[in-house]
Amino acid sequence: MYPDIPDIQFSSKRDAGTCVIYTLGFTEGHERRQVQAILGQLTSADEISVADPGDPEASYEVRRVAHGFERKHGRHGCYGTWISASQMEAAEWLLQGAEVSSRAAKAGFGGVLTRKQ
């Protein structure tokens, strides 16, 4: 079963043992509401990532932690440092990639949600 997030298109679900990984796509014009809905459903250690629109090898990532959220800029082969973020900062961080992917990616693609089991 997929998470209940309005207008999100899921294209795959994979059980990786310690987590479930969902590939998803955003709906143009609804990205802000969708990002906020995803952040509202994250539990500790869950992560969401979206493509970096300026670098095809990079992503904007957010995870839920006990005291709120953390964000980082990830790249293929190297990763940034997790930085504390408010829910608003986390949403703005993800919105950059969500808005571009809603227009440019195939339906059901543009983000990855990883939920711990």
N, C-alpha and C. Protein backbone atom coordinates (compact mmCIF):
# COMPACT_ATOMS: atom_id res chain seq x y z
N MET A 1 0.84 -1.17 0.00
CA MET A 1 0.00 0.00 0.00
C MET A 1 0.89 1.25 0.00
N TYR A 2 0.47 2.25 -0.74
CA TYR A 2 1.23 3.49 -0.83
C TYR A 2 0.75 4.50 0.22
N PRO A 3 1.63 5.41 0.65
CA PRO A 3 1.20 6.47 1.56
C PRO A 3 0.08 7.30 0.92
N ASP A 4 -0.80 7.84 1.72
CA ASP A 4 -1.91 8.63 1.22
C ASP A 4 -1.50 10.10 1.18
N ILE A 5 -1.04 10.55 0.01
CA ILE A 5 -0.62 11.93 -0.19
C ILE A 5 -1.37 12.44 -1.41
N PRO A 6 -2.18 13.48 -1.26
CA PRO A 6 -3.02 13.96 -2.37
C PRO A 6 -2.23 14.27 -3.64
N ASP A 7 -2.72 13.75 -4.76
CA ASP A 7 -2.19 14.02 -6.09
C ASP A 7 -0.78 13.50 -6.36
N ILE A 8 -0.20 12.77 -5.44
CA ILE A 8 1.12 12.18 -5.69
C ILE A 8 0.94 10.94 -6.55
N GLN A 9 1.80 10.80 -7.54
CA GLN A 9 1.78 9.61 -8.40
C GLN A 9 2.96 8.73 -8.02
N PHE A 10 2.68 7.53 -7.58
CA PHE A 10 3.74 6.59 -7.23
C PHE A 10 4.00 5.68 -8.43
N SER A 11 5.27 5.42 -8.70
CA SER A 11 5.58 4.52 -9.81
C SER A 11 6.18 3.21 -9.33
N SER A 12 6.72 3.18 -8.10
CA SER A 12 7.25 1.91 -7.60
C SER A 12 7.33 1.92 -6.08
N LYS A 13 7.39 0.71 -5.54
CA LYS A 13 7.56 0.48 -4.10
C LYS A 13 8.50 -0.72 -3.98
N ARG A 14 9.56 -0.57 -3.16
CA ARG A 14 10.51 -1.65 -2.99
C ARG A 14 10.81 -1.84 -1.51
N ASP A 15 10.64 -3.07 -1.04
CA ASP A 15 10.98 -3.42 0.33
C ASP A 15 12.46 -3.74 0.38
N ALA A 16 13.23 -2.91 1.08
CA ALA A 16 14.68 -3.09 1.16
C ALA A 16 15.09 -3.71 2.50
N GLY A 17 14.16 -4.32 3.20
CA GLY A 17 14.46 -4.99 4.47
C GLY A 17 14.28 -4.08 5.67
N THR A 18 15.13 -3.07 5.81
CA THR A 18 15.01 -2.14 6.94
C THR A 18 14.16 -0.93 6.60
N CYS A 19 13.81 -0.79 5.31
CA CYS A 19 13.01 0.35 4.89
C CYS A 19 12.22 -0.01 3.63
N VAL A 20 11.24 0.83 3.33
CA VAL A 20 10.48 0.70 2.09
C VAL A 20 10.78 1.96 1.28
N ILE A 21 11.11 1.78 0.01
CA ILE A 21 11.50 2.90 -0.86
C ILE A 21 10.43 3.09 -1.92
N TYR A 22 9.88 4.30 -1.97
CA TYR A 22 8.84 4.65 -2.93
C TYR A 22 9.40 5.66 -3.94
N THR A 23 9.16 5.43 -5.21
CA THR A 23 9.46 6.41 -6.24
C THR A 23 8.17 7.13 -6.55
N LEU A 24 8.22 8.45 -6.60
CA LEU A 24 6.99 9.24 -6.72
C LEU A 24 7.19 10.43 -7.64
N GLY A 25 6.07 10.98 -8.08
CA GLY A 25 6.08 12.18 -8.90
C GLY A 25 5.12 13.21 -8.36
N PHE A 26 5.45 14.46 -8.57
CA PHE A 26 4.63 15.58 -8.11
C PHE A 26 3.70 16.05 -9.22
N THR A 27 2.63 16.72 -8.83
CA THR A 27 1.65 17.24 -9.78
C THR A 27 1.84 18.75 -9.92
N GLU A 28 2.00 19.21 -11.15
CA GLU A 28 2.24 20.62 -11.40
C GLU A 28 1.12 21.48 -10.78
N GLY A 29 1.54 22.51 -10.08
CA GLY A 29 0.60 23.40 -9.42
C GLY A 29 0.23 23.00 -8.00
N HIS A 30 0.60 21.76 -7.61
CA HIS A 30 0.26 21.25 -6.28
C HIS A 30 1.50 20.87 -5.47
N GLU A 31 2.68 21.23 -5.98
CA GLU A 31 3.92 20.78 -5.35
C GLU A 31 4.07 21.22 -3.90
N ARG A 32 3.76 22.46 -3.60
CA ARG A 32 3.91 22.96 -2.22
C ARG A 32 3.04 22.15 -1.25
N ARG A 33 1.80 21.94 -1.61
CA ARG A 33 0.89 21.17 -0.75
C ARG A 33 1.38 19.73 -0.61
N GLN A 34 1.88 19.16 -1.70
CA GLN A 34 2.36 17.79 -1.66
C GLN A 34 3.61 17.65 -0.79
N VAL A 35 4.55 18.57 -0.95
CA VAL A 35 5.77 18.54 -0.12
C VAL A 35 5.40 18.68 1.36
N GLN A 36 4.51 19.61 1.67
CA GLN A 36 4.10 19.79 3.06
C GLN A 36 3.39 18.55 3.61
N ALA A 37 2.59 17.90 2.78
CA ALA A 37 1.91 16.67 3.21
C ALA A 37 2.91 15.56 3.49
N ILE A 38 3.91 15.43 2.63
CA ILE A 38 4.94 14.40 2.84
C ILE A 38 5.68 14.68 4.14
N LEU A 39 6.12 15.92 4.34
CA LEU A 39 6.85 16.26 5.56
C LEU A 39 6.01 15.99 6.80
N GLY A 40 4.71 16.24 6.72
CA GLY A 40 3.82 16.00 7.85
C GLY A 40 3.64 14.54 8.20
N GLN A 41 3.94 13.66 7.24
CA GLN A 41 3.79 12.22 7.47
C GLN A 41 5.09 11.52 7.84
N LEU A 42 6.22 12.21 7.72
CA LEU A 42 7.50 11.57 8.04
C LEU A 42 7.60 11.26 9.52
N THR A 43 8.13 10.10 9.82
CA THR A 43 8.44 9.75 11.20
C THR A 43 9.96 9.68 11.32
N SER A 44 10.47 9.55 12.52
CA SER A 44 11.90 9.60 12.76
C SER A 44 12.68 8.67 11.82
N ALA A 45 13.69 9.24 11.18
CA ALA A 45 14.61 8.58 10.26
C ALA A 45 14.05 8.39 8.85
N ASP A 46 12.80 8.76 8.58
CA ASP A 46 12.29 8.73 7.20
C ASP A 46 12.97 9.84 6.41
N GLU A 47 13.14 9.62 5.09
CA GLU A 47 13.80 10.60 4.24
C GLU A 47 13.02 10.80 2.95
N ILE A 48 13.11 12.01 2.41
CA ILE A 48 12.57 12.34 1.10
C ILE A 48 13.69 13.03 0.32
N SER A 49 13.81 12.70 -0.95
CA SER A 49 14.78 13.39 -1.80
C SER A 49 14.14 13.72 -3.13
N VAL A 50 14.59 14.83 -3.69
CA VAL A 50 14.16 15.26 -5.02
C VAL A 50 15.41 15.61 -5.81
N ALA A 51 15.29 15.57 -7.12
CA ALA A 51 16.42 15.88 -7.97
C ALA A 51 16.81 17.35 -7.84
N ASP A 52 18.11 17.60 -7.92
CA ASP A 52 18.63 18.96 -7.99
C ASP A 52 18.46 19.40 -9.44
N PRO A 53 17.64 20.43 -9.70
CA PRO A 53 17.39 20.81 -11.08
C PRO A 53 18.61 21.31 -11.83
N GLY A 54 19.65 21.71 -11.12
CA GLY A 54 20.86 22.22 -11.77
C GLY A 54 21.97 21.21 -11.91
N ASP A 55 21.79 20.01 -11.36
CA ASP A 55 22.86 19.00 -11.38
C ASP A 55 22.23 17.61 -11.43
N PRO A 56 22.27 16.94 -12.58
CA PRO A 56 21.61 15.63 -12.70
C PRO A 56 22.21 14.54 -11.80
N GLU A 57 23.36 14.80 -11.22
CA GLU A 57 23.99 13.82 -10.34
C GLU A 57 23.76 14.14 -8.86
N ALA A 58 22.89 15.13 -8.60
CA ALA A 58 22.71 15.58 -7.21
C ALA A 58 21.25 15.59 -6.81
N SER A 59 21.02 15.70 -5.50
CA SER A 59 19.65 15.74 -4.98
C SER A 59 19.58 16.62 -3.74
N TYR A 60 18.36 17.10 -3.47
CA TYR A 60 18.05 17.79 -2.23
C TYR A 60 17.36 16.77 -1.34
N GLU A 61 17.86 16.61 -0.12
CA GLU A 61 17.37 15.57 0.77
C GLU A 61 16.93 16.17 2.10
N VAL A 62 15.89 15.57 2.67
CA VAL A 62 15.39 15.97 3.98
C VAL A 62 15.07 14.70 4.76
N ARG A 63 15.41 14.71 6.04
CA ARG A 63 15.03 13.58 6.90
C ARG A 63 14.42 14.12 8.18
N ARG A 64 13.57 13.28 8.76
CA ARG A 64 12.93 13.60 10.04
C ARG A 64 13.85 13.12 11.15
N VAL A 65 14.06 13.97 12.15
CA VAL A 65 14.84 13.61 13.32
C VAL A 65 14.03 13.97 14.56
N ALA A 66 14.49 13.57 15.72
CA ALA A 66 13.75 13.78 16.96
C ALA A 66 13.40 15.25 17.21
N HIS A 67 14.28 16.16 16.85
CA HIS A 67 14.06 17.58 17.12
C HIS A 67 13.50 18.35 15.92
N GLY A 68 13.08 17.66 14.87
CA GLY A 68 12.50 18.35 13.71
C GLY A 68 12.96 17.73 12.39
N PHE A 69 13.71 18.51 11.61
CA PHE A 69 14.17 18.05 10.31
C PHE A 69 15.63 18.40 10.11
N GLU A 70 16.25 17.69 9.18
CA GLU A 70 17.59 18.01 8.72
C GLU A 70 17.57 17.95 7.20
N ARG A 71 18.43 18.75 6.56
CA ARG A 71 18.51 18.76 5.10
C ARG A 71 19.96 18.67 4.67
N LYS A 72 20.17 18.20 3.44
CA LYS A 72 21.52 18.20 2.88
C LYS A 72 21.43 18.15 1.37
N HIS A 73 22.54 18.48 0.76
CA HIS A 73 22.67 18.42 -0.70
C HIS A 73 23.53 17.19 -0.98
N GLY A 74 22.97 16.19 -1.63
CA GLY A 74 23.70 14.98 -1.94
C GLY A 74 24.14 14.97 -3.39
N ARG A 75 25.25 14.31 -3.65
CA ARG A 75 25.75 14.15 -5.01
C ARG A 75 26.22 12.72 -5.19
N HIS A 76 26.17 12.26 -6.42
CA HIS A 76 26.65 10.92 -6.74
C HIS A 76 28.12 10.82 -6.34
N GLY A 77 28.43 9.91 -5.43
CA GLY A 77 29.81 9.69 -5.02
C GLY A 77 30.27 10.51 -3.83
N CYS A 78 29.54 11.58 -3.45
CA CYS A 78 29.91 12.35 -2.26
C CYS A 78 28.63 12.95 -1.67
N TYR A 79 28.64 13.16 -0.40
CA TYR A 79 27.44 13.65 0.27
C TYR A 79 27.77 14.82 1.16
N GLY A 80 26.84 15.75 1.26
CA GLY A 80 26.99 16.91 2.12
C GLY A 80 26.74 16.53 3.57
N THR A 81 26.71 17.53 4.41
CA THR A 81 26.49 17.36 5.84
C THR A 81 25.04 17.68 6.16
N TRP A 82 24.44 16.89 7.03
CA TRP A 82 23.07 17.17 7.47
C TRP A 82 23.08 18.45 8.29
N ILE A 83 22.12 19.35 8.00
CA ILE A 83 21.99 20.65 8.65
C ILE A 83 20.57 20.75 9.22
N SER A 84 20.44 21.20 10.46
CA SER A 84 19.11 21.37 11.07
C SER A 84 18.27 22.32 10.23
N ALA A 85 16.96 22.02 10.16
CA ALA A 85 16.04 22.85 9.39
C ALA A 85 14.66 22.83 10.04
N SER A 86 13.98 23.95 9.95
CA SER A 86 12.59 23.98 10.38
C SER A 86 11.75 23.29 9.31
N GLN A 87 10.49 23.04 9.60
CA GLN A 87 9.63 22.42 8.60
C GLN A 87 9.50 23.33 7.37
N MET A 88 9.43 24.64 7.59
CA MET A 88 9.32 25.58 6.47
C MET A 88 10.60 25.55 5.61
N GLU A 89 11.76 25.53 6.26
CA GLU A 89 13.03 25.46 5.52
C GLU A 89 13.13 24.15 4.74
N ALA A 90 12.70 23.06 5.36
CA ALA A 90 12.73 21.76 4.68
C ALA A 90 11.82 21.77 3.46
N ALA A 91 10.64 22.36 3.59
CA ALA A 91 9.70 22.43 2.47
C ALA A 91 10.27 23.27 1.33
N GLU A 92 10.83 24.41 1.63
CA GLU A 92 11.42 25.27 0.60
C GLU A 92 12.59 24.58 -0.09
N TRP A 93 13.37 23.84 0.66
CA TRP A 93 14.51 23.09 0.13
C TRP A 93 14.03 22.08 -0.92
N LEU A 94 13.02 21.31 -0.57
CA LEU A 94 12.50 20.27 -1.47
C LEU A 94 11.72 20.86 -2.64
N LEU A 95 11.08 21.98 -2.42
CA LEU A 95 10.23 22.57 -3.45
C LEU A 95 11.00 22.89 -4.73
N GLN A 96 12.27 23.22 -4.60
CA GLN A 96 13.10 23.52 -5.77
C GLN A 96 13.07 22.39 -6.79
N GLY A 97 13.29 21.19 -6.33
CA GLY A 97 13.30 20.03 -7.22
C GLY A 97 11.91 19.54 -7.58
N ALA A 98 10.98 19.65 -6.63
CA ALA A 98 9.61 19.18 -6.88
C ALA A 98 8.96 19.96 -8.01
N GLU A 99 9.15 21.28 -8.03
CA GLU A 99 8.53 22.10 -9.07
C GLU A 99 9.10 21.80 -10.44
N VAL A 100 10.39 21.63 -10.54
CA VAL A 100 11.01 21.32 -11.83
C VAL A 100 10.61 19.93 -12.29
N SER A 101 10.64 18.96 -11.39
CA SER A 101 10.32 17.59 -11.79
C SER A 101 8.86 17.42 -12.20
N SER A 102 7.96 18.22 -11.63
CA SER A 102 6.54 18.10 -12.00
C SER A 102 6.33 18.47 -13.47
N ARG A 103 7.20 19.31 -13.99
CA ARG A 103 7.09 19.73 -15.39
C ARG A 103 7.97 18.90 -16.32
N ALA A 104 9.09 18.39 -15.82
CA ALA A 104 10.07 17.76 -16.71
C ALA A 104 10.15 16.24 -16.62
N ALA A 105 9.82 15.66 -15.48
CA ALA A 105 9.97 14.21 -15.31
C ALA A 105 8.73 13.47 -15.79
N LYS A 106 8.93 12.19 -16.11
CA LYS A 106 7.79 11.34 -16.47
C LYS A 106 6.88 11.20 -15.26
N ALA A 107 5.61 10.90 -15.51
CA ALA A 107 4.64 10.71 -14.43
C ALA A 107 5.15 9.65 -13.46
N GLY A 108 5.08 9.94 -12.18
CA GLY A 108 5.51 8.99 -11.15
C GLY A 108 6.98 9.07 -10.81
N PHE A 109 7.70 10.04 -11.38
CA PHE A 109 9.13 10.18 -11.11
C PHE A 109 9.43 11.61 -10.68
N GLY A 110 10.53 11.78 -9.96
CA GLY A 110 10.94 13.11 -9.50
C GLY A 110 11.31 13.14 -8.03
N GLY A 111 10.91 12.11 -7.28
CA GLY A 111 11.25 12.06 -5.87
C GLY A 111 11.33 10.64 -5.36
N VAL A 112 12.01 10.49 -4.24
CA VAL A 112 12.14 9.18 -3.58
C VAL A 112 11.83 9.37 -2.09
N LEU A 113 10.90 8.57 -1.60
CA LEU A 113 10.53 8.57 -0.19
C LEU A 113 11.01 7.26 0.42
N THR A 114 11.81 7.36 1.48
CA THR A 114 12.31 6.18 2.17
C THR A 114 11.74 6.17 3.58
N ARG A 115 10.96 5.12 3.86
CA ARG A 115 10.31 5.01 5.18
C ARG A 115 10.92 3.82 5.93
N LYS A 116 11.35 4.05 7.14
CA LYS A 116 11.92 2.98 7.97
C LYS A 116 10.81 2.04 8.40
N GLN A 117 11.16 0.75 8.52
CA GLN A 117 10.16 -0.25 8.95
C GLN A 117 10.27 -0.50 10.43
